[in-house]
Amino acid sequence: MAHLSDIVRNANIFERRWGRHPMEGWLDAFAEAGLARYDAEADAWLVTGEATS
């Protein structure tokens, strides 16, 4: 996915500003695909891999 890091970064910025994560469906789909994960200790989404196709 070309913009995965940007999407995750922006979701974390949004959460810090507004108190909730946006695009939860997208973030959950990224997690299911092994591309991102939610780190409860950091209270942030993290990129764990990059799609190659």
N, C-alpha and C. Protein backbone atom coordinates (compact mmCIF):
# COMPACT_ATOMS: atom_id res chain seq x y z
N MET A 1 0.86 -1.18 0.00
CA MET A 1 0.00 0.00 0.00
C MET A 1 0.89 1.23 0.00
N ALA A 2 0.69 2.06 -0.96
CA ALA A 2 1.57 3.19 -1.20
C ALA A 2 1.61 4.20 -0.06
N HIS A 3 0.50 4.44 0.60
CA HIS A 3 0.44 5.50 1.60
C HIS A 3 0.13 4.99 3.00
N LEU A 4 0.44 3.76 3.27
CA LEU A 4 0.13 3.16 4.57
C LEU A 4 0.71 3.97 5.73
N SER A 5 1.96 4.32 5.67
CA SER A 5 2.60 5.07 6.75
C SER A 5 1.92 6.41 6.96
N ASP A 6 1.57 7.09 5.88
CA ASP A 6 0.90 8.38 5.98
C ASP A 6 -0.48 8.25 6.62
N ILE A 7 -1.22 7.22 6.23
CA ILE A 7 -2.56 7.00 6.78
C ILE A 7 -2.48 6.73 8.28
N VAL A 8 -1.55 5.87 8.69
CA VAL A 8 -1.40 5.53 10.11
C VAL A 8 -0.95 6.76 10.90
N ARG A 9 0.00 7.50 10.37
CA ARG A 9 0.47 8.72 11.04
C ARG A 9 -0.68 9.71 11.21
N ASN A 10 -1.44 9.94 10.16
CA ASN A 10 -2.56 10.88 10.24
C ASN A 10 -3.64 10.41 11.20
N ALA A 11 -3.88 9.11 11.27
CA ALA A 11 -4.86 8.58 12.22
C ALA A 11 -4.42 8.86 13.66
N ASN A 12 -3.13 8.72 13.94
CA ASN A 12 -2.62 9.01 15.28
C ASN A 12 -2.71 10.49 15.60
N ILE A 13 -2.41 11.35 14.64
CA ILE A 13 -2.53 12.80 14.85
C ILE A 13 -3.99 13.16 15.13
N PHE A 14 -4.91 12.61 14.34
CA PHE A 14 -6.34 12.86 14.53
C PHE A 14 -6.77 12.45 15.93
N GLU A 15 -6.33 11.27 16.37
CA GLU A 15 -6.72 10.77 17.69
C GLU A 15 -6.22 11.70 18.80
N ARG A 16 -5.00 12.18 18.69
CA ARG A 16 -4.48 13.09 19.71
C ARG A 16 -5.28 14.39 19.75
N ARG A 17 -5.73 14.85 18.60
CA ARG A 17 -6.47 16.11 18.54
C ARG A 17 -7.93 15.95 18.95
N TRP A 18 -8.59 14.89 18.49
CA TRP A 18 -10.03 14.75 18.66
C TRP A 18 -10.45 13.66 19.64
N GLY A 19 -9.50 12.86 20.13
CA GLY A 19 -9.82 11.87 21.15
C GLY A 19 -10.42 10.57 20.66
N ARG A 20 -10.40 10.36 19.36
CA ARG A 20 -10.89 9.09 18.81
C ARG A 20 -10.15 8.80 17.51
N HIS A 21 -10.07 7.53 17.19
CA HIS A 21 -9.39 7.14 15.96
C HIS A 21 -10.35 7.21 14.78
N PRO A 22 -9.94 7.83 13.69
CA PRO A 22 -10.77 7.87 12.49
C PRO A 22 -10.57 6.59 11.68
N MET A 23 -11.39 6.38 10.71
CA MET A 23 -11.20 5.30 9.73
C MET A 23 -10.93 3.96 10.39
N GLU A 24 -11.67 3.65 11.44
CA GLU A 24 -11.42 2.41 12.17
C GLU A 24 -11.54 1.18 11.28
N GLY A 25 -12.43 1.21 10.30
CA GLY A 25 -12.56 0.09 9.38
C GLY A 25 -11.28 -0.14 8.59
N TRP A 26 -10.67 0.93 8.13
CA TRP A 26 -9.40 0.82 7.39
C TRP A 26 -8.30 0.31 8.32
N LEU A 27 -8.20 0.89 9.52
CA LEU A 27 -7.15 0.48 10.45
C LEU A 27 -7.31 -0.99 10.83
N ASP A 28 -8.54 -1.42 11.06
CA ASP A 28 -8.79 -2.83 11.38
C ASP A 28 -8.41 -3.74 10.20
N ALA A 29 -8.71 -3.30 8.99
CA ALA A 29 -8.35 -4.09 7.80
C ALA A 29 -6.84 -4.17 7.66
N PHE A 30 -6.13 -3.08 7.93
CA PHE A 30 -4.66 -3.11 7.88
C PHE A 30 -4.13 -4.09 8.92
N ALA A 31 -4.74 -4.10 10.10
CA ALA A 31 -4.31 -5.03 11.16
C ALA A 31 -4.55 -6.48 10.74
N GLU A 32 -5.70 -6.75 10.16
CA GLU A 32 -6.02 -8.11 9.71
C GLU A 32 -5.05 -8.58 8.63
N ALA A 33 -4.57 -7.65 7.82
CA ALA A 33 -3.62 -7.98 6.74
C ALA A 33 -2.18 -8.04 7.25
N GLY A 34 -1.97 -7.73 8.55
CA GLY A 34 -0.62 -7.76 9.12
C GLY A 34 0.22 -6.55 8.76
N LEU A 35 -0.43 -5.48 8.31
CA LEU A 35 0.31 -4.29 7.90
C LEU A 35 0.45 -3.26 9.01
N ALA A 36 -0.45 -3.32 9.99
CA ALA A 36 -0.42 -2.36 11.10
C ALA A 36 -0.97 -3.05 12.34
N ARG A 37 -0.70 -2.44 13.48
CA ARG A 37 -1.25 -2.97 14.73
C ARG A 37 -1.45 -1.82 15.70
N TYR A 38 -2.39 -2.01 16.61
CA TYR A 38 -2.62 -1.01 17.65
C TYR A 38 -1.78 -1.37 18.86
N ASP A 39 -0.99 -0.44 19.34
CA ASP A 39 -0.16 -0.63 20.53
C ASP A 39 -0.85 0.11 21.67
N ALA A 40 -1.49 -0.65 22.57
CA ALA A 40 -2.25 -0.04 23.66
C ALA A 40 -1.35 0.74 24.61
N GLU A 41 -0.14 0.26 24.84
CA GLU A 41 0.77 0.96 25.74
C GLU A 41 1.13 2.34 25.20
N ALA A 42 1.36 2.42 23.91
CA ALA A 42 1.68 3.70 23.27
C ALA A 42 0.42 4.48 22.89
N ASP A 43 -0.75 3.81 22.95
CA ASP A 43 -2.02 4.38 22.52
C ASP A 43 -1.89 4.94 21.11
N ALA A 44 -1.34 4.10 20.22
CA ALA A 44 -1.10 4.53 18.84
C ALA A 44 -1.10 3.32 17.91
N TRP A 45 -1.44 3.60 16.66
CA TRP A 45 -1.30 2.60 15.60
C TRP A 45 0.12 2.64 15.07
N LEU A 46 0.66 1.46 14.77
CA LEU A 46 2.02 1.35 14.26
C LEU A 46 2.00 0.53 12.97
N VAL A 47 2.85 0.91 12.04
CA VAL A 47 3.01 0.16 10.80
C VAL A 47 3.89 -1.04 11.11
N THR A 48 3.47 -2.24 10.69
CA THR A 48 4.26 -3.43 10.95
C THR A 48 4.81 -4.05 9.67
N GLY A 49 4.33 -3.62 8.52
CA GLY A 49 4.79 -4.16 7.26
C GLY A 49 4.31 -3.29 6.11
N GLU A 50 4.77 -3.59 4.95
CA GLU A 50 4.36 -2.85 3.75
C GLU A 50 3.88 -3.84 2.71
N ALA A 51 2.79 -3.54 2.07
CA ALA A 51 2.31 -4.36 0.97
C ALA A 51 3.26 -4.21 -0.21
N THR A 52 3.51 -5.28 -0.89
CA THR A 52 4.46 -5.23 -2.01
C THR A 52 3.77 -5.25 -3.35
N SER A 53 2.47 -5.50 -3.39
CA SER A 53 1.82 -5.60 -4.71
C SER A 53 1.16 -4.33 -5.12
